[in-house]
PDB file of N, CA and C in Angstrom:
ATOM      1  N   MET A   1      88.439   5.820 281.951  1.00  0.00           N
ATOM      2  CA  MET A   1      88.740   6.251 283.249  1.00  0.00           C
ATOM      3  C   MET A   1      87.324   5.569 284.091  1.00  0.00           C
ATOM      4  N   MET A   2      87.785   4.984 285.288  1.00  0.00           N
ATOM      5  CA  MET A   2      86.908   4.430 286.233  1.00  0.00           C
ATOM      6  C   MET A   2      86.306   5.366 287.185  1.00  0.00           C
ATOM      7  N   GLN A   3      84.898   5.622 287.289  1.00  0.00           N
ATOM      8  CA  GLN A   3      84.479   6.460 288.153  1.00  0.00           C
ATOM      9  C   GLN A   3      83.259   5.754 289.067  1.00  0.00           C
ATOM     10  N   GLN A   4      83.339   6.077 290.308  1.00  0.00           N
ATOM     11  CA  GLN A   4      82.467   5.281 291.340  1.00  0.00           C
ATOM     12  C   GLN A   4      81.847   6.307 292.369  1.00  0.00           C
ATOM     13  N   LYS A   5      80.757   6.303 292.813  1.00  0.00           N
ATOM     14  CA  LYS A   5      80.491   6.767 293.919  1.00  0.00           C
ATOM     15  C   LYS A   5      80.130   5.721 294.891  1.00  0.00           C
ATOM     16  N   GLY A   6      80.539   5.794 296.305  1.00  0.00           N
ATOM     17  CA  GLY A   6      80.189   4.829 297.344  1.00  0.00           C
ATOM     18  C   GLY A   6      80.788   5.393 298.496  1.00  0.00           C
ATOM     19  N   ASN A   7      80.749   4.542 299.420  1.00  0.00           N
ATOM     20  CA  ASN A   7      81.302   4.735 300.843  1.00  0.00           C
ATOM     21  C   ASN A   7      82.625   4.197 300.971  1.00  0.00           C
ATOM     22  N   PHE A   8      83.663   5.027 300.970  1.00  0.00           N
ATOM     23  CA  PHE A   8      85.088   4.628 301.022  1.00  0.00           C
ATOM     24  C   PHE A   8      85.664   5.023 302.219  1.00  0.00           C
ATOM     25  N   ARG A   9      86.643   4.242 302.863  1.00  0.00           N
ATOM     26  CA  ARG A   9      87.374   4.868 303.908  1.00  0.00           C
ATOM     27  C   ARG A   9      88.552   5.652 303.228  1.00  0.00           C
ATOM     28  N   HIS A  10      88.781   6.631 304.034  1.00  0.00           N
ATOM     29  CA  HIS A  10      89.789   7.790 303.498  1.00  0.00           C
ATOM     30  C   HIS A  10      90.344   8.526 304.792  1.00  0.00           C
ATOM     31  N   GLY A  11      91.369   9.340 304.412  1.00  0.00           N
ATOM     32  CA  GLY A  11      91.961  10.319 305.624  1.00  0.00           C
ATOM     33  C   GLY A  11      93.232  10.641 305.032  1.00  0.00           C
ATOM     34  N   ALA A  12      93.722  11.412 305.985  1.00  0.00           N
ATOM     35  CA  ALA A  12      94.974  12.309 305.809  1.00  0.00           C
ATOM     36  C   ALA A  12      96.193  11.651 306.852  1.00  0.00           C
ATOM     37  N   SER A  13      97.254  11.293 306.006  1.00  0.00           N
ATOM     38  CA  SER A  13      98.274  10.769 306.975  1.00  0.00           C
ATOM     39  C   SER A  13      99.323  11.991 307.100  1.00  0.00           C
ATOM     40  N   GLU A  14      99.694  12.298 308.147  1.00  0.00           N
ATOM     41  CA  GLU A  14     100.676  13.273 308.567  1.00  0.00           C
ATOM     42  C   GLU A  14     102.159  12.768 308.566  1.00  0.00           C
ATOM     43  N   ALA A  15     102.130  11.452 308.699  1.00  0.00           N
ATOM     44  CA  ALA A  15     103.571  10.992 308.469  1.00  0.00           C
ATOM     45  C   ALA A  15     104.042  10.856 307.007  1.00  0.00           C
ATOM     46  N   LEU A  16     103.216  10.685 306.100  1.00  0.00           N
ATOM     47  CA  LEU A  16     103.344  10.606 304.822  1.00  0.00           C
ATOM     48  C   LEU A  16     103.194  11.974 304.116  1.00  0.00           C
ATOM     49  N   ARG A  17     102.397  12.995 304.736  1.00  0.00           N
ATOM     50  CA  ARG A  17     101.788  14.221 304.117  1.00  0.00           C
ATOM     51  C   ARG A  17     101.353  13.896 302.893  1.00  0.00           C
ATOM     52  N   ALA A  18     100.370  12.772 303.032  1.00  0.00           N
ATOM     53  CA  ALA A  18      99.617  12.578 301.848  1.00  0.00           C
ATOM     54  C   ALA A  18      98.078  12.221 302.318  1.00  0.00           C
ATOM     55  N   TYR A  19      97.211  12.355 301.281  1.00  0.00           N
ATOM     56  CA  TYR A  19      95.750  11.586 301.602  1.00  0.00           C
ATOM     57  C   TYR A  19      95.846  10.269 301.252  1.00  0.00           C
ATOM     58  N   ILE A  20      95.010   9.378 301.771  1.00  0.00           N
ATOM     59  CA  ILE A  20      94.929   7.845 301.587  1.00  0.00           C
ATOM     60  C   ILE A  20      93.574   7.531 301.354  1.00  0.00           C
ATOM     61  N   ILE A  21      93.182   6.891 300.464  1.00  0.00           N
ATOM     62  CA  ILE A  21      91.746   6.261 300.166  1.00  0.00           C
ATOM     63  C   ILE A  21      92.096   4.769 299.918  1.00  0.00           C
ATOM     64  N   GLU A  22      90.852   4.060 300.524  1.00  0.00           N
ATOM     65  CA  GLU A  22      91.009   2.472 300.370  1.00  0.00           C
ATOM     66  C   GLU A  22      89.849   2.301 299.426  1.00  0.00           C
ATOM     67  N   LEU A  23      90.347   1.492 298.366  1.00  0.00           N
ATOM     68  CA  LEU A  23      89.305   1.032 297.386  1.00  0.00           C
ATOM     69  C   LEU A  23      89.349  -0.498 297.649  1.00  0.00           C
ATOM     70  N   PRO A  24      88.143  -1.151 298.163  1.00  0.00           N
ATOM     71  CA  PRO A  24      88.146  -2.644 298.555  1.00  0.00           C
ATOM     72  C   PRO A  24      87.630  -3.238 297.014  1.00  0.00           C
ATOM     73  N   TYR A  25      88.159  -4.440 296.856  1.00  0.00           N
ATOM     74  CA  TYR A  25      87.643  -5.055 295.902  1.00  0.00           C
ATOM     75  C   TYR A  25      86.558  -5.989 296.180  1.00  0.00           C
ATOM     76  N   GLU A  26      85.831  -6.747 295.481  1.00  0.00           N
ATOM     77  CA  GLU A  26      84.473  -7.149 295.785  1.00  0.00           C
ATOM     78  C   GLU A  26      84.749  -8.288 297.069  1.00  0.00           C
ATOM     79  N   GLY A  27      83.833  -7.950 297.965  1.00  0.00           N
ATOM     80  CA  GLY A  27      83.846  -9.017 299.146  1.00  0.00           C
ATOM     81  C   GLY A  27      84.679  -8.265 300.368  1.00  0.00           C
ATOM     82  N   GLU A  28      85.526  -7.307 300.004  1.00  0.00           N
ATOM     83  CA  GLU A  28      86.317  -6.604 300.882  1.00  0.00           C
ATOM     84  C   GLU A  28      87.353  -7.310 301.434  1.00  0.00           C
ATOM     85  N   ALA A  29      87.849  -8.388 301.091  1.00  0.00           N
ATOM     86  CA  ALA A  29      88.915  -9.366 301.380  1.00  0.00           C
ATOM     87  C   ALA A  29      90.129  -8.462 300.972  1.00  0.00           C
ATOM     88  N   LEU A  30      90.214  -7.830 300.082  1.00  0.00           N
ATOM     89  CA  LEU A  30      91.464  -7.259 299.600  1.00  0.00           C
ATOM     90  C   LEU A  30      91.349  -5.781 299.190  1.00  0.00           C
ATOM     91  N   SER A  31      91.926  -4.783 299.326  1.00  0.00           N
ATOM     92  CA  SER A  31      91.901  -3.491 299.004  1.00  0.00           C
ATOM     93  C   SER A  31      93.014  -2.969 298.257  1.00  0.00           C
ATOM     94  N   MET A  32      92.828  -1.812 297.602  1.00  0.00           N
ATOM     95  CA  MET A  32      94.023  -1.320 296.928  1.00  0.00           C
ATOM     96  C   MET A  32      93.965   0.177 297.731  1.00  0.00           C
ATOM     97  N   TYR A  33      95.138   0.467 298.303  1.00  0.00           N
ATOM     98  CA  TYR A  33      95.146   1.878 298.779  1.00  0.00           C
ATOM     99  C   TYR A  33      95.912   2.751 297.774  1.00  0.00           C
ATOM    100  N   ILE A  34      95.440   3.854 297.688  1.00  0.00           N
ATOM    101  CA  ILE A  34      95.933   5.066 296.882  1.00  0.00           C
ATOM    102  C   ILE A  34      96.266   6.236 297.681  1.00  0.00           C
ATOM    103  N   LEU A  35      97.637   6.627 297.591  1.00  0.00           N
ATOM    104  CA  LEU A  35      98.344   7.752 298.235  1.00  0.00           C
ATOM    105  C   LEU A  35      98.138   8.967 297.237  1.00  0.00           C
ATOM    106  N   LEU A  36      97.596  10.123 297.731  1.00  0.00           N
ATOM    107  CA  LEU A  36      97.584  11.198 297.093  1.00  0.00           C
ATOM    108  C   LEU A  36      98.505  12.387 297.673  1.00  0.00           C
ATOM    109  N   PRO A  37      99.753  12.733 297.050  1.00  0.00           N
ATOM    110  CA  PRO A  37     100.330  13.818 297.741  1.00  0.00           C
ATOM    111  C   PRO A  37      99.696  15.274 297.427  1.00  0.00           C
ATOM    112  N   PRO A  38      99.903  16.127 298.367  1.00  0.00           N
ATOM    113  CA  PRO A  38      99.234  17.510 297.856  1.00  0.00           C
ATOM    114  C   PRO A  38      99.841  17.784 296.410  1.00  0.00           C
ATOM    115  N   PHE A  39      98.996  19.063 295.863  1.00  0.00           N
ATOM    116  CA  PHE A  39      99.387  19.586 294.644  1.00  0.00           C
ATOM    117  C   PHE A  39     100.615  20.698 294.869  1.00  0.00           C
ATOM    118  N   ALA A  40     101.920  20.287 295.204  1.00  0.00           N
ATOM    119  CA  ALA A  40     102.788  21.058 295.221  1.00  0.00           C
ATOM    120  C   ALA A  40     104.033  20.635 294.999  1.00  0.00           C
ATOM    121  N   PRO A  41     105.067  21.700 294.651  1.00  0.00           N
ATOM    122  CA  PRO A  41     106.341  21.105 293.875  1.00  0.00           C
ATOM    123  C   PRO A  41     107.091  20.258 294.935  1.00  0.00           C
ATOM    124  N   ASP A  42     107.568  19.217 294.262  1.00  0.00           N
ATOM    125  CA  ASP A  42     108.227  18.147 295.025  1.00  0.00           C
ATOM    126  C   ASP A  42     107.434  17.422 295.990  1.00  0.00           C
ATOM    127  N   ALA A  43     106.026  17.515 296.106  1.00  0.00           N
ATOM    128  CA  ALA A  43     105.317  16.713 297.060  1.00  0.00           C
ATOM    129  C   ALA A  43     105.350  15.174 297.011  1.00  0.00           C
ATOM    130  N   ILE A  44     105.311  14.642 295.571  1.00  0.00           N
ATOM    131  CA  ILE A  44     105.556  13.275 295.394  1.00  0.00           C
ATOM    132  C   ILE A  44     106.830  12.745 295.875  1.00  0.00           C
ATOM    133  N   GLN A  45     107.890  13.457 295.610  1.00  0.00           N
ATOM    134  CA  GLN A  45     109.247  12.880 296.253  1.00  0.00           C
ATOM    135  C   GLN A  45     109.134  13.119 297.467  1.00  0.00           C
ATOM    136  N   GLU A  46     108.530  14.058 298.195  1.00  0.00           N
ATOM    137  CA  GLU A  46     108.467  13.956 299.781  1.00  0.00           C
ATOM    138  C   GLU A  46     107.680  13.036 300.167  1.00  0.00           C
ATOM    139  N   THR A  47     106.615  12.661 299.816  1.00  0.00           N
ATOM    140  CA  THR A  47     105.647  11.279 300.307  1.00  0.00           C
ATOM    141  C   THR A  47     106.547  10.230 300.110  1.00  0.00           C
ATOM    142  N   ILE A  48     107.294  10.033 298.755  1.00  0.00           N
ATOM    143  CA  ILE A  48     108.061   8.763 298.580  1.00  0.00           C
ATOM    144  C   ILE A  48     109.196   8.537 299.556  1.00  0.00           C
ATOM    145  N   SER A  49     109.845   9.725 299.848  1.00  0.00           N
ATOM    146  CA  SER A  49     110.901   9.603 300.892  1.00  0.00           C
ATOM    147  C   SER A  49     110.317   9.218 302.315  1.00  0.00           C
ATOM    148  N   ARG A  50     109.213   9.596 302.837  1.00  0.00           N
ATOM    149  CA  ARG A  50     108.577   9.123 304.053  1.00  0.00           C
ATOM    150  C   ARG A  50     108.053   8.053 304.018  1.00  0.00           C
ATOM    151  N   LEU A  51     107.757   7.227 302.906  1.00  0.00           N
ATOM    152  CA  LEU A  51     107.182   5.789 302.730  1.00  0.00           C
ATOM    153  C   LEU A  51     108.168   4.750 303.211  1.00  0.00           C
ATOM    154  N   ASN A  52     107.805   4.101 304.177  1.00  0.00           N
ATOM    155  CA  ASN A  52     108.285   2.899 304.650  1.00  0.00           C
ATOM    156  C   ASN A  52     107.225   2.088 305.287  1.00  0.00           C
ATOM    157  N   ALA A  53     107.515   0.913 305.829  1.00  0.00           N
ATOM    158  CA  ALA A  53     106.576  -0.255 306.347  1.00  0.00           C
ATOM    159  C   ALA A  53     105.645   0.252 307.320  1.00  0.00           C
ATOM    160  N   SER A  54     106.194   1.131 308.295  1.00  0.00           N
ATOM    161  CA  SER A  54     105.798   1.755 309.638  1.00  0.00           C
ATOM    162  C   SER A  54     104.754   2.878 309.123  1.00  0.00           C
ATOM    163  N   SER A  55     105.182   3.856 308.282  1.00  0.00           N
ATOM    164  CA  SER A  55     104.394   4.815 307.940  1.00  0.00           C
ATOM    165  C   SER A  55     103.181   4.382 307.162  1.00  0.00           C
ATOM    166  N   LEU A  56     103.488   3.413 306.385  1.00  0.00           N
ATOM    167  CA  LEU A  56     102.174   2.916 305.443  1.00  0.00           C
ATOM    168  C   LEU A  56     101.200   2.241 306.270  1.00  0.00           C
ATOM    169  N   ARG A  57     101.809   1.248 307.363  1.00  0.00           N
ATOM    170  CA  ARG A  57     100.806   0.603 308.175  1.00  0.00           C
ATOM    171  C   ARG A  57     100.019   1.594 308.992  1.00  0.00           C
ATOM    172  N   GLU A  58     100.692   2.743 309.442  1.00  0.00           N
ATOM    173  CA  GLU A  58      99.967   3.984 310.254  1.00  0.00           C
ATOM    174  C   GLU A  58      98.943   4.328 309.304  1.00  0.00           C
ATOM    175  N   ALA A  59      99.180   4.880 308.219  1.00  0.00           N
ATOM    176  CA  ALA A  59      98.324   5.338 307.275  1.00  0.00           C
ATOM    177  C   ALA A  59      97.113   4.558 306.920  1.00  0.00           C
ATOM    178  N   MET A  60      97.430   2.994 306.908  1.00  0.00           N
ATOM    179  CA  MET A  60      96.275   2.380 306.511  1.00  0.00           C
ATOM    180  C   MET A  60      95.338   1.923 307.725  1.00  0.00           C
ATOM    181  N   ASP A  61      95.813   2.190 308.804  1.00  0.00           N
ATOM    182  CA  ASP A  61      95.267   1.889 310.248  1.00  0.00           C
ATOM    183  C   ASP A  61      93.729   2.186 309.949  1.00  0.00           C
ATOM    184  N   GLN A  62      92.877   1.438 310.322  1.00  0.00           N
ATOM    185  CA  GLN A  62      91.405   1.454 310.115  1.00  0.00           C
ATOM    186  C   GLN A  62      90.783   2.478 311.264  1.00  0.00           C
ATOM    187  N   ASN A  63      91.419   2.822 312.280  1.00  0.00           N
ATOM    188  CA  ASN A  63      91.227   3.805 313.311  1.00  0.00           C
ATOM    189  C   ASN A  63      91.437   5.361 312.799  1.00  0.00           C
ATOM    190  N   GLN A  64      92.336   5.251 311.814  1.00  0.00           N
ATOM    191  CA  GLN A  64      92.777   6.742 311.261  1.00  0.00           C
ATOM    192  C   GLN A  64      91.863   7.073 310.117  1.00  0.00           C
ATOM    193  N   LEU A  65      91.302   6.057 309.352  1.00  0.00           N
ATOM    194  CA  LEU A  65      90.282   6.255 308.324  1.00  0.00           C
ATOM    195  C   LEU A  65      88.919   6.353 308.725  1.00  0.00           C
ATOM    196  N   TYR A  66      88.163   7.094 307.769  1.00  0.00           N
ATOM    197  CA  TYR A  66      86.795   7.227 308.141  1.00  0.00           C
ATOM    198  C   TYR A  66      86.061   7.035 306.913  1.00  0.00           C
ATOM    199  N   HIS A  67      84.754   6.491 306.971  1.00  0.00           N
ATOM    200  CA  HIS A  67      83.793   6.299 305.870  1.00  0.00           C
ATOM    201  C   HIS A  67      83.024   7.620 305.446  1.00  0.00           C
ATOM    202  N   ASP A  68      82.997   7.943 304.441  1.00  0.00           N
ATOM    203  CA  ASP A  68      82.264   8.940 303.688  1.00  0.00           C
ATOM    204  C   ASP A  68      81.920   8.619 302.329  1.00  0.00           C
ATOM    205  N   LYS A  69      80.800   8.997 301.944  1.00  0.00           N
ATOM    206  CA  LYS A  69      80.226   8.979 300.696  1.00  0.00           C
ATOM    207  C   LYS A  69      81.019   9.872 299.863  1.00  0.00           C
ATOM    208  N   ILE A  70      81.511   9.304 298.786  1.00  0.00           N
ATOM    209  CA  ILE A  70      82.630  10.126 297.976  1.00  0.00           C
ATOM    210  C   ILE A  70      82.592   9.625 296.565  1.00  0.00           C
ATOM    211  N   GLU A  71      83.079  10.317 295.664  1.00  0.00           N
ATOM    212  CA  GLU A  71      83.088   9.989 294.170  1.00  0.00           C
ATOM    213  C   GLU A  71      84.587   9.890 293.930  1.00  0.00           C
ATOM    214  N   VAL A  72      84.950   8.817 293.415  1.00  0.00           N
ATOM    215  CA  VAL A  72      86.320   8.536 292.940  1.00  0.00           C
ATOM    216  C   VAL A  72      86.416   8.344 291.421  1.00  0.00           C
ATOM    217  N   GLY A  73      87.373   8.849 290.822  1.00  0.00           N
ATOM    218  CA  GLY A  73      87.534   8.588 289.277  1.00  0.00           C
ATOM    219  C   GLY A  73      89.145   8.450 289.346  1.00  0.00           C
ATOM    220  N   LEU A  74      89.535   7.564 288.581  1.00  0.00           N
ATOM    221  CA  LEU A  74      90.823   6.923 288.282  1.00  0.00           C
ATOM    222  C   LEU A  74      91.007   6.470 286.792  1.00  0.00           C
ATOM    223  N   PRO A  75      92.176   6.978 286.288  1.00  0.00           N
ATOM    224  CA  PRO A  75      92.327   6.655 284.991  1.00  0.00           C
ATOM    225  C   PRO A  75      92.495   4.899 284.895  1.00  0.00           C
ATOM    226  N   ARG A  76      92.449   4.255 283.726  1.00  0.00           N
ATOM    227  CA  ARG A  76      92.711   2.895 283.681  1.00  0.00           C
ATOM    228  C   ARG A  76      94.133   2.897 283.693  1.00  0.00           C
ATOM    229  N   PHE A  77      94.816   1.794 284.283  1.00  0.00           N
ATOM    230  CA  PHE A  77      96.209   1.611 284.266  1.00  0.00           C
ATOM    231  C   PHE A  77      96.342   0.048 284.344  1.00  0.00           C
ATOM    232  N   LYS A  78      97.663  -0.307 283.924  1.00  0.00           N
ATOM    233  CA  LYS A  78      97.986  -1.624 283.923  1.00  0.00           C
ATOM    234  C   LYS A  78      99.591  -1.848 284.478  1.00  0.00           C
ATOM    235  N   ILE A  79      99.825  -2.591 285.255  1.00  0.00           N
ATOM    236  CA  ILE A  79     101.129  -2.923 285.936  1.00  0.00           C
ATOM    237  C   ILE A  79     101.629  -4.096 285.363  1.00  0.00           C
ATOM    238  N   GLN A  80     102.911  -3.889 284.748  1.00  0.00           N
ATOM    239  CA  GLN A  80     103.509  -5.254 284.189  1.00  0.00           C
ATOM    240  C   GLN A  80     105.116  -5.028 284.521  1.00  0.00           C
ATOM    241  N   GLN A  81     105.403  -6.548 284.666  1.00  0.00           N
ATOM    242  CA  GLN A  81     107.003  -6.524 285.042  1.00  0.00           C
ATOM    243  C   GLN A  81     107.397  -7.887 284.568  1.00  0.00           C
ATOM    244  N   THR A  82     108.567  -7.833 284.046  1.00  0.00           N
ATOM    245  CA  THR A  82     109.321  -8.900 283.237  1.00  0.00           C
ATOM    246  C   THR A  82     110.316  -9.274 284.303  1.00  0.00           C
ATOM    247  N   ILE A  83     110.488 -10.631 284.786  1.00  0.00           N
ATOM    248  CA  ILE A  83     111.466 -11.304 285.661  1.00  0.00           C
ATOM    249  C   ILE A  83     112.074 -12.256 285.007  1.00  0.00           C
ATOM    250  N   GLN A  84     113.288 -12.293 284.889  1.00  0.00           N
ATOM    251  CA  GLN A  84     114.346 -13.342 284.210  1.00  0.00           C
ATOM    252  C   GLN A  84     114.418 -14.441 285.209  1.00  0.00           C
ATOM    253  N   LEU A  85     113.956 -15.630 285.132  1.00  0.00           N
ATOM    254  CA  LEU A  85     113.766 -16.804 286.052  1.00  0.00           C
ATOM    255  C   LEU A  85     114.992 -17.721 285.973  1.00  0.00           C
ATOM    256  N   ASN A  86     115.795 -17.838 284.729  1.00  0.00           N
ATOM    257  CA  ASN A  86     116.753 -18.839 284.536  1.00  0.00           C
ATOM    258  C   ASN A  86     117.604 -18.954 285.766  1.00  0.00           C
ATOM    259  N   LYS A  87     118.115 -17.808 286.181  1.00  0.00           N
ATOM    260  CA  LYS A  87     119.333 -17.771 287.166  1.00  0.00           C
ATOM    261  C   LYS A  87     118.599 -18.186 288.697  1.00  0.00           C
ATOM    262  N   VAL A  88     117.406 -17.987 288.952  1.00  0.00           N
ATOM    263  CA  VAL A  88     116.651 -18.449 290.141  1.00  0.00           C
ATOM    264  C   VAL A  88     116.482 -19.843 290.049  1.00  0.00           C
ATOM    265  N   THR A  89     115.913 -20.420 288.795  1.00  0.00           N
ATOM    266  CA  THR A  89     115.707 -21.970 288.909  1.00  0.00           C
ATOM    267  C   THR A  89     116.768 -22.860 288.664  1.00  0.00           C
ATOM    268  N   THR A  90     117.984 -22.298 288.487  1.00  0.00           N
ATOM    269  CA  THR A  90     119.119 -23.304 288.249  1.00  0.00           C
ATOM    270  C   THR A  90     119.444 -24.170 289.375  1.00  0.00           C
ATOM    271  N   ALA A  91     119.111 -23.614 290.520  1.00  0.00           N
ATOM    272  CA  ALA A  91     119.664 -24.335 291.868  1.00  0.00           C
ATOM    273  C   ALA A  91     118.393 -24.063 292.713  1.00  0.00           C
ATOM    274  N   PRO A  92     118.009 -25.215 293.710  1.00  0.00           N
ATOM    275  CA  PRO A  92     117.073 -25.086 294.446  1.00  0.00           C
ATOM    276  C   PRO A  92     117.560 -23.929 295.501  1.00  0.00           C
ATOM    277  N   PRO A  93     116.652 -23.152 296.194  1.00  0.00           N
ATOM    278  CA  PRO A  93     117.039 -22.149 297.044  1.00  0.00           C
ATOM    279  C   PRO A  93     117.597 -22.902 298.430  1.00  0.00           C
ATOM    280  N   SER A  94     118.899 -22.142 298.932  1.00  0.00           N
ATOM    281  CA  SER A  94     119.399 -22.555 300.135  1.00  0.00           C
ATOM    282  C   SER A  94     118.562 -22.032 301.171  1.00  0.00           C
ATOM    283  N   ASP A  95     118.966 -22.713 302.281  1.00  0.00           N
ATOM    284  CA  ASP A  95     118.095 -22.080 303.771  1.00  0.00           C
ATOM    285  C   ASP A  95     118.404 -20.805 303.894  1.00  0.00           C
ATOM    286  N   SER A  96     119.485 -20.152 303.752  1.00  0.00           N
ATOM    287  CA  SER A  96     119.833 -18.725 304.088  1.00  0.00           C
ATOM    288  C   SER A  96     119.013 -17.870 303.052  1.00  0.00           C
ATOM    289  N   THR A  97     119.016 -18.471 301.636  1.00  0.00           N
ATOM    290  CA  THR A  97     118.122 -17.626 300.910  1.00  0.00           C
ATOM    291  C   THR A  97     116.498 -17.523 301.095  1.00  0.00           C
ATOM    292  N   THR A  98     116.216 -18.560 301.413  1.00  0.00           N
ATOM    293  CA  THR A  98     114.720 -18.554 301.863  1.00  0.00           C
ATOM    294  C   THR A  98     114.534 -17.679 303.093  1.00  0.00           C
ATOM    295  N   LYS A  99     115.433 -17.957 304.240  1.00  0.00           N
ATOM    296  CA  LYS A  99     115.338 -17.031 305.220  1.00  0.00           C
ATOM    297  C   LYS A  99     115.352 -15.459 304.936  1.00  0.00           C
ATOM    298  N   THR A 100     116.402 -15.216 304.006  1.00  0.00           N
ATOM    299  CA  THR A 100     116.473 -13.664 303.493  1.00  0.00           C
ATOM    300  C   THR A 100     115.081 -13.201 302.906  1.00  0.00           C
ATOM    301  N   ASN A 101     114.601 -14.150 301.988  1.00  0.00           N
ATOM    302  CA  ASN A 101     113.422 -13.733 301.246  1.00  0.00           C
ATOM    303  C   ASN A 101     112.185 -13.716 302.168  1.00  0.00           C
ATOM    304  N   GLN A 102     112.061 -14.342 303.089  1.00  0.00           N
ATOM    305  CA  GLN A 102     111.081 -14.448 304.073  1.00  0.00           C
ATOM    306  C   GLN A 102     111.156 -13.013 305.051  1.00  0.00           C
ATOM    307  N   HIS A 103     112.428 -12.630 305.270  1.00  0.00           N
ATOM    308  CA  HIS A 103     112.704 -11.579 306.132  1.00  0.00           C
ATOM    309  C   HIS A 103     112.284 -10.325 305.419  1.00  0.00           C
ATOM    310  N   LEU A 104     112.520 -10.284 303.947  1.00  0.00           N
ATOM    311  CA  LEU A 104     112.035  -9.235 303.187  1.00  0.00           C
ATOM    312  C   LEU A 104     110.646  -9.132 302.897  1.00  0.00           C
ATOM    313  N   LEU A 105     109.851 -10.225 302.894  1.00  0.00           N
ATOM    314  CA  LEU A 105     108.446 -10.347 302.971  1.00  0.00           C
ATOM    315  C   LEU A 105     108.023  -9.724 304.233  1.00  0.00           C
ATOM    316  N   ASP A 106     108.572 -10.072 305.166  1.00  0.00           N
ATOM    317  CA  ASP A 106     108.017  -9.900 306.502  1.00  0.00           C
ATOM    318  C   ASP A 106     108.175  -8.203 306.718  1.00  0.00           C
ATOM    319  N   LYS A 107     109.169  -7.679 306.211  1.00  0.00           N
ATOM    320  CA  LYS A 107     109.300  -6.272 306.366  1.00  0.00           C
ATOM    321  C   LYS A 107     108.333  -5.603 305.691  1.00  0.00           C
ATOM    322  N   VAL A 108     107.993  -6.197 304.295  1.00  0.00           N
ATOM    323  CA  VAL A 108     106.926  -5.342 303.751  1.00  0.00           C
ATOM    324  C   VAL A 108     105.689  -5.461 304.057  1.00  0.00           C
ATOM    325  N   ILE A 109     105.044  -6.480 304.692  1.00  0.00           N
ATOM    326  CA  ILE A 109     103.977  -6.726 305.084  1.00  0.00           C
ATOM    327  C   ILE A 109     103.685  -6.571 306.527  1.00  0.00           C
ATOM    328  N   GLY A 110     104.851  -6.672 307.302  1.00  0.00           N
ATOM    329  CA  GLY A 110     104.817  -6.248 308.790  1.00  0.00           C
ATOM    330  C   GLY A 110     104.483  -7.516 309.633  1.00  0.00           C
ATOM    331  N   ILE A 111     104.588  -8.821 309.230  1.00  0.00           N
ATOM    332  CA  ILE A 111     104.410  -9.903 309.862  1.00  0.00           C
ATOM    333  C   ILE A 111     105.629 -10.915 310.087  1.00  0.00           C
ATOM    334  N   ASP A 112     105.830 -11.247 311.179  1.00  0.00           N
ATOM    335  CA  ASP A 112     106.959 -12.109 311.503  1.00  0.00           C
ATOM    336  C   ASP A 112     106.392 -13.455 311.612  1.00  0.00           C
ATOM    337  N   MET A 113     106.731 -14.336 310.558  1.00  0.00           N
ATOM    338  CA  MET A 113     106.334 -15.621 310.779  1.00  0.00           C
ATOM    339  C   MET A 113     106.844 -16.617 311.589  1.00  0.00           C
ATOM    340  N   ASP A 114     108.024 -16.247 312.223  1.00  0.00           N
ATOM    341  CA  ASP A 114     108.674 -16.992 313.306  1.00  0.00           C
ATOM    342  C   ASP A 114     108.070 -16.802 314.457  1.00  0.00           C
ATOM    343  N   LYS A 115     107.253 -15.702 314.829  1.00  0.00           N
ATOM    344  CA  LYS A 115     106.522 -15.262 315.975  1.00  0.00           C
ATOM    345  C   LYS A 115     105.109 -15.763 315.965  1.00  0.00           C
ATOM    346  N   SER A 116     104.639 -16.033 314.685  1.00  0.00           N
ATOM    347  CA  SER A 116     103.148 -16.348 314.474  1.00  0.00           C
ATOM    348  C   SER A 116     102.739 -17.327 315.260  1.00  0.00           C
TER     349      SER A 116
END
């Protein structure tokens, strides 16, 4: 279990019906955000159904979060994924594949590289 006391940004998201806390990594250049649905039946499913790029961006808005000294406790966890690459690497990506992948990435992070 990881436990830490400190000043963290946190708040409540009405759009997601969840509590959100920002846990910055060293240097604060990168953060992990944790969504905590209320302790109620089907609350996790409701938060997941409301989760999209817009609602997440709104929840992460620095003007919506406030600093407080709080104690955070999280169980240790590991995220792992296996991806089969042989189909991907058999041919170079076409221009349409590259544009599709960029569009998906833009939707997730909310940045339009064509307009930057």
